[in-house]
N, C-alpha and C. Protein backbone atom coordinates (compact mmCIF):
# COMPACT_ATOMS: atom_id res chain seq x y z
N UNK A 1 132.25 71.95 18.21
CA UNK A 1 132.21 71.04 17.07
C UNK A 1 130.90 70.27 17.04
N UNK A 2 130.56 69.71 18.17
CA UNK A 2 129.34 68.91 18.21
C UNK A 2 128.09 69.79 18.11
N UNK A 3 128.14 70.97 18.71
CA UNK A 3 126.97 71.85 18.63
C UNK A 3 126.74 72.34 17.20
N UNK A 4 127.81 72.56 16.47
CA UNK A 4 127.66 72.97 15.07
C UNK A 4 127.02 71.86 14.24
N UNK A 5 127.42 70.62 14.49
CA UNK A 5 126.85 69.49 13.77
C UNK A 5 125.38 69.30 14.13
N UNK A 6 125.06 69.42 15.42
CA UNK A 6 123.67 69.27 15.85
C UNK A 6 122.81 70.40 15.27
N UNK A 7 123.34 71.61 15.25
CA UNK A 7 122.60 72.74 14.68
C UNK A 7 122.33 72.53 13.20
N UNK A 8 123.31 72.01 12.47
CA UNK A 8 123.12 71.74 11.04
C UNK A 8 122.08 70.64 10.82
N UNK A 9 122.09 69.62 11.67
CA UNK A 9 121.09 68.56 11.54
C UNK A 9 119.69 69.07 11.85
N UNK A 10 119.57 69.93 12.86
CA UNK A 10 118.26 70.52 13.19
C UNK A 10 117.77 71.42 12.06
N UNK A 11 118.68 72.20 11.49
CA UNK A 11 118.31 73.06 10.37
C UNK A 11 117.89 72.24 9.16
N UNK A 12 118.60 71.14 8.92
CA UNK A 12 118.23 70.24 7.83
C UNK A 12 116.85 69.63 8.05
N UNK A 13 116.55 69.28 9.30
CA UNK A 13 115.23 68.73 9.62
C UNK A 13 114.14 69.79 9.42
N UNK A 14 114.44 71.04 9.78
CA UNK A 14 113.48 72.12 9.58
C UNK A 14 113.22 72.35 8.09
N UNK A 15 114.29 72.29 7.28
CA UNK A 15 114.11 72.43 5.83
C UNK A 15 113.28 71.28 5.26
N UNK A 16 113.51 70.08 5.78
CA UNK A 16 112.73 68.93 5.29
C UNK A 16 111.26 69.08 5.65
N UNK A 17 111.02 69.54 6.87
CA UNK A 17 109.63 69.73 7.32
C UNK A 17 108.93 70.80 6.47
N UNK A 18 109.70 71.81 6.06
CA UNK A 18 109.13 72.88 5.23
C UNK A 18 109.01 72.46 3.76
N UNK A 19 109.58 71.33 3.40
CA UNK A 19 109.50 70.85 2.03
C UNK A 19 110.54 71.44 1.10
N UNK A 20 111.58 72.03 1.66
CA UNK A 20 112.63 72.66 0.85
C UNK A 20 113.82 71.71 0.77
N UNK A 21 113.74 70.77 -0.16
CA UNK A 21 114.74 69.70 -0.22
C UNK A 21 116.09 70.17 -0.74
N UNK A 22 116.11 71.19 -1.58
CA UNK A 22 117.40 71.68 -2.09
C UNK A 22 118.23 72.27 -0.95
N UNK A 23 117.61 73.09 -0.09
CA UNK A 23 118.35 73.69 1.01
C UNK A 23 118.72 72.64 2.06
N UNK A 24 117.88 71.64 2.22
CA UNK A 24 118.22 70.55 3.15
C UNK A 24 119.47 69.82 2.67
N UNK A 25 119.51 69.51 1.39
CA UNK A 25 120.66 68.80 0.84
C UNK A 25 121.93 69.64 0.95
N UNK A 26 121.83 70.92 0.62
CA UNK A 26 123.01 71.79 0.70
C UNK A 26 123.49 71.95 2.14
N UNK A 27 122.55 72.09 3.08
CA UNK A 27 122.93 72.23 4.48
C UNK A 27 123.66 70.99 4.98
N UNK A 28 123.10 69.83 4.69
CA UNK A 28 123.74 68.60 5.14
C UNK A 28 125.07 68.36 4.43
N UNK A 29 125.15 68.71 3.16
CA UNK A 29 126.39 68.55 2.43
C UNK A 29 127.50 69.42 3.02
N UNK A 30 127.18 70.70 3.24
CA UNK A 30 128.19 71.62 3.77
C UNK A 30 128.50 71.39 5.25
N UNK A 31 127.67 70.63 5.93
CA UNK A 31 127.93 70.34 7.34
C UNK A 31 128.68 69.02 7.51
N UNK A 32 128.32 68.00 6.74
CA UNK A 32 128.88 66.67 6.97
C UNK A 32 130.17 66.39 6.21
N UNK A 33 130.36 66.97 5.05
CA UNK A 33 131.60 66.74 4.29
C UNK A 33 132.82 67.28 5.05
N UNK A 34 132.77 68.51 5.59
CA UNK A 34 133.93 68.96 6.39
C UNK A 34 134.17 68.10 7.62
N UNK A 35 133.10 67.60 8.24
CA UNK A 35 133.28 66.72 9.40
C UNK A 35 134.03 65.45 9.00
N UNK A 36 133.65 64.88 7.88
CA UNK A 36 134.32 63.66 7.42
C UNK A 36 135.78 63.94 7.07
N UNK A 37 136.06 65.09 6.46
CA UNK A 37 137.44 65.42 6.12
C UNK A 37 138.29 65.65 7.36
N UNK A 38 137.72 66.26 8.38
CA UNK A 38 138.44 66.45 9.64
C UNK A 38 138.77 65.10 10.26
N UNK A 39 137.81 64.19 10.26
CA UNK A 39 138.05 62.87 10.85
C UNK A 39 139.12 62.11 10.08
N UNK A 40 139.09 62.18 8.76
CA UNK A 40 140.12 61.50 7.97
C UNK A 40 141.50 62.08 8.22
N UNK A 41 141.58 63.40 8.34
CA UNK A 41 142.88 64.00 8.61
C UNK A 41 143.37 63.63 9.99
N UNK A 42 142.48 63.54 10.97
CA UNK A 42 142.90 63.13 12.31
C UNK A 42 143.39 61.69 12.33
N UNK A 43 142.73 60.84 11.55
CA UNK A 43 143.15 59.44 11.51
C UNK A 43 144.54 59.32 10.89
N UNK A 44 144.77 60.00 9.77
CA UNK A 44 146.03 59.81 9.05
C UNK A 44 147.16 60.67 9.62
N UNK A 45 146.87 61.86 10.09
CA UNK A 45 147.93 62.70 10.62
C UNK A 45 148.43 62.16 11.96
N UNK A 46 147.51 61.78 12.82
CA UNK A 46 147.90 61.28 14.14
C UNK A 46 148.24 59.80 14.12
N UNK A 47 148.03 59.16 13.00
CA UNK A 47 148.37 57.75 12.81
C UNK A 47 147.74 56.86 13.87
N UNK A 48 146.45 57.07 14.09
CA UNK A 48 145.74 56.25 15.06
C UNK A 48 145.57 54.82 14.57
N UNK A 49 145.58 54.64 13.25
CA UNK A 49 145.41 53.30 12.71
C UNK A 49 146.64 52.44 12.96
N UNK A 50 147.83 53.03 12.86
CA UNK A 50 149.06 52.24 12.99
C UNK A 50 149.33 51.84 14.44
N UNK A 51 148.69 52.49 15.40
CA UNK A 51 148.93 52.14 16.81
C UNK A 51 148.05 50.99 17.27
N UNK A 52 147.24 50.49 16.38
CA UNK A 52 146.34 49.38 16.70
C UNK A 52 145.43 49.74 17.87
N UNK A 53 144.76 50.88 17.73
CA UNK A 53 143.82 51.33 18.74
C UNK A 53 142.43 51.34 18.12
N UNK A 54 141.74 50.21 18.17
CA UNK A 54 140.45 50.12 17.48
C UNK A 54 139.39 51.06 18.07
N UNK A 55 139.45 51.35 19.38
CA UNK A 55 138.46 52.25 19.97
C UNK A 55 138.59 53.65 19.41
N UNK A 56 139.82 54.13 19.24
CA UNK A 56 140.04 55.47 18.69
C UNK A 56 139.57 55.51 17.24
N UNK A 57 139.85 54.47 16.48
CA UNK A 57 139.39 54.41 15.09
C UNK A 57 137.87 54.41 15.03
N UNK A 58 137.23 53.66 15.93
CA UNK A 58 135.77 53.65 15.96
C UNK A 58 135.22 55.03 16.29
N UNK A 59 135.84 55.75 17.23
CA UNK A 59 135.39 57.09 17.56
C UNK A 59 135.54 58.04 16.37
N UNK A 60 136.60 57.88 15.60
CA UNK A 60 136.76 58.70 14.40
C UNK A 60 135.67 58.38 13.38
N UNK A 61 135.32 57.11 13.22
CA UNK A 61 134.28 56.74 12.27
C UNK A 61 132.91 57.23 12.72
N UNK A 62 132.71 57.38 14.02
CA UNK A 62 131.44 57.90 14.55
C UNK A 62 131.45 59.43 14.65
N UNK A 63 132.45 60.07 14.06
CA UNK A 63 132.60 61.53 14.05
C UNK A 63 132.86 62.10 15.43
N UNK A 64 133.44 61.31 16.33
CA UNK A 64 133.75 61.77 17.67
C UNK A 64 135.25 61.86 17.92
N UNK A 65 136.04 61.90 16.87
CA UNK A 65 137.49 61.96 16.98
C UNK A 65 138.03 63.17 17.72
N UNK A 66 137.47 64.38 17.52
CA UNK A 66 138.02 65.54 18.24
C UNK A 66 137.85 65.46 19.76
N UNK A 67 136.98 64.60 20.24
CA UNK A 67 136.82 64.46 21.68
C UNK A 67 137.93 63.62 22.31
N UNK A 68 138.66 62.87 21.49
CA UNK A 68 139.70 61.98 22.01
C UNK A 68 140.88 62.78 22.51
């Protein structure tokens, strides 16, 4: 999970360096939107918010929820 996100960020940086802003935007969009949806589903399905566990909620907001 984390390696895929890092690879997408590196690819986005390479596109930016090459001046190809359309591909950079598409790469980041297709990489980060699914990450955010996974984190939201983990928060609501596992009900981490209702257990009053602020550290777990913070990890989900930092996109580190699957590591919990």
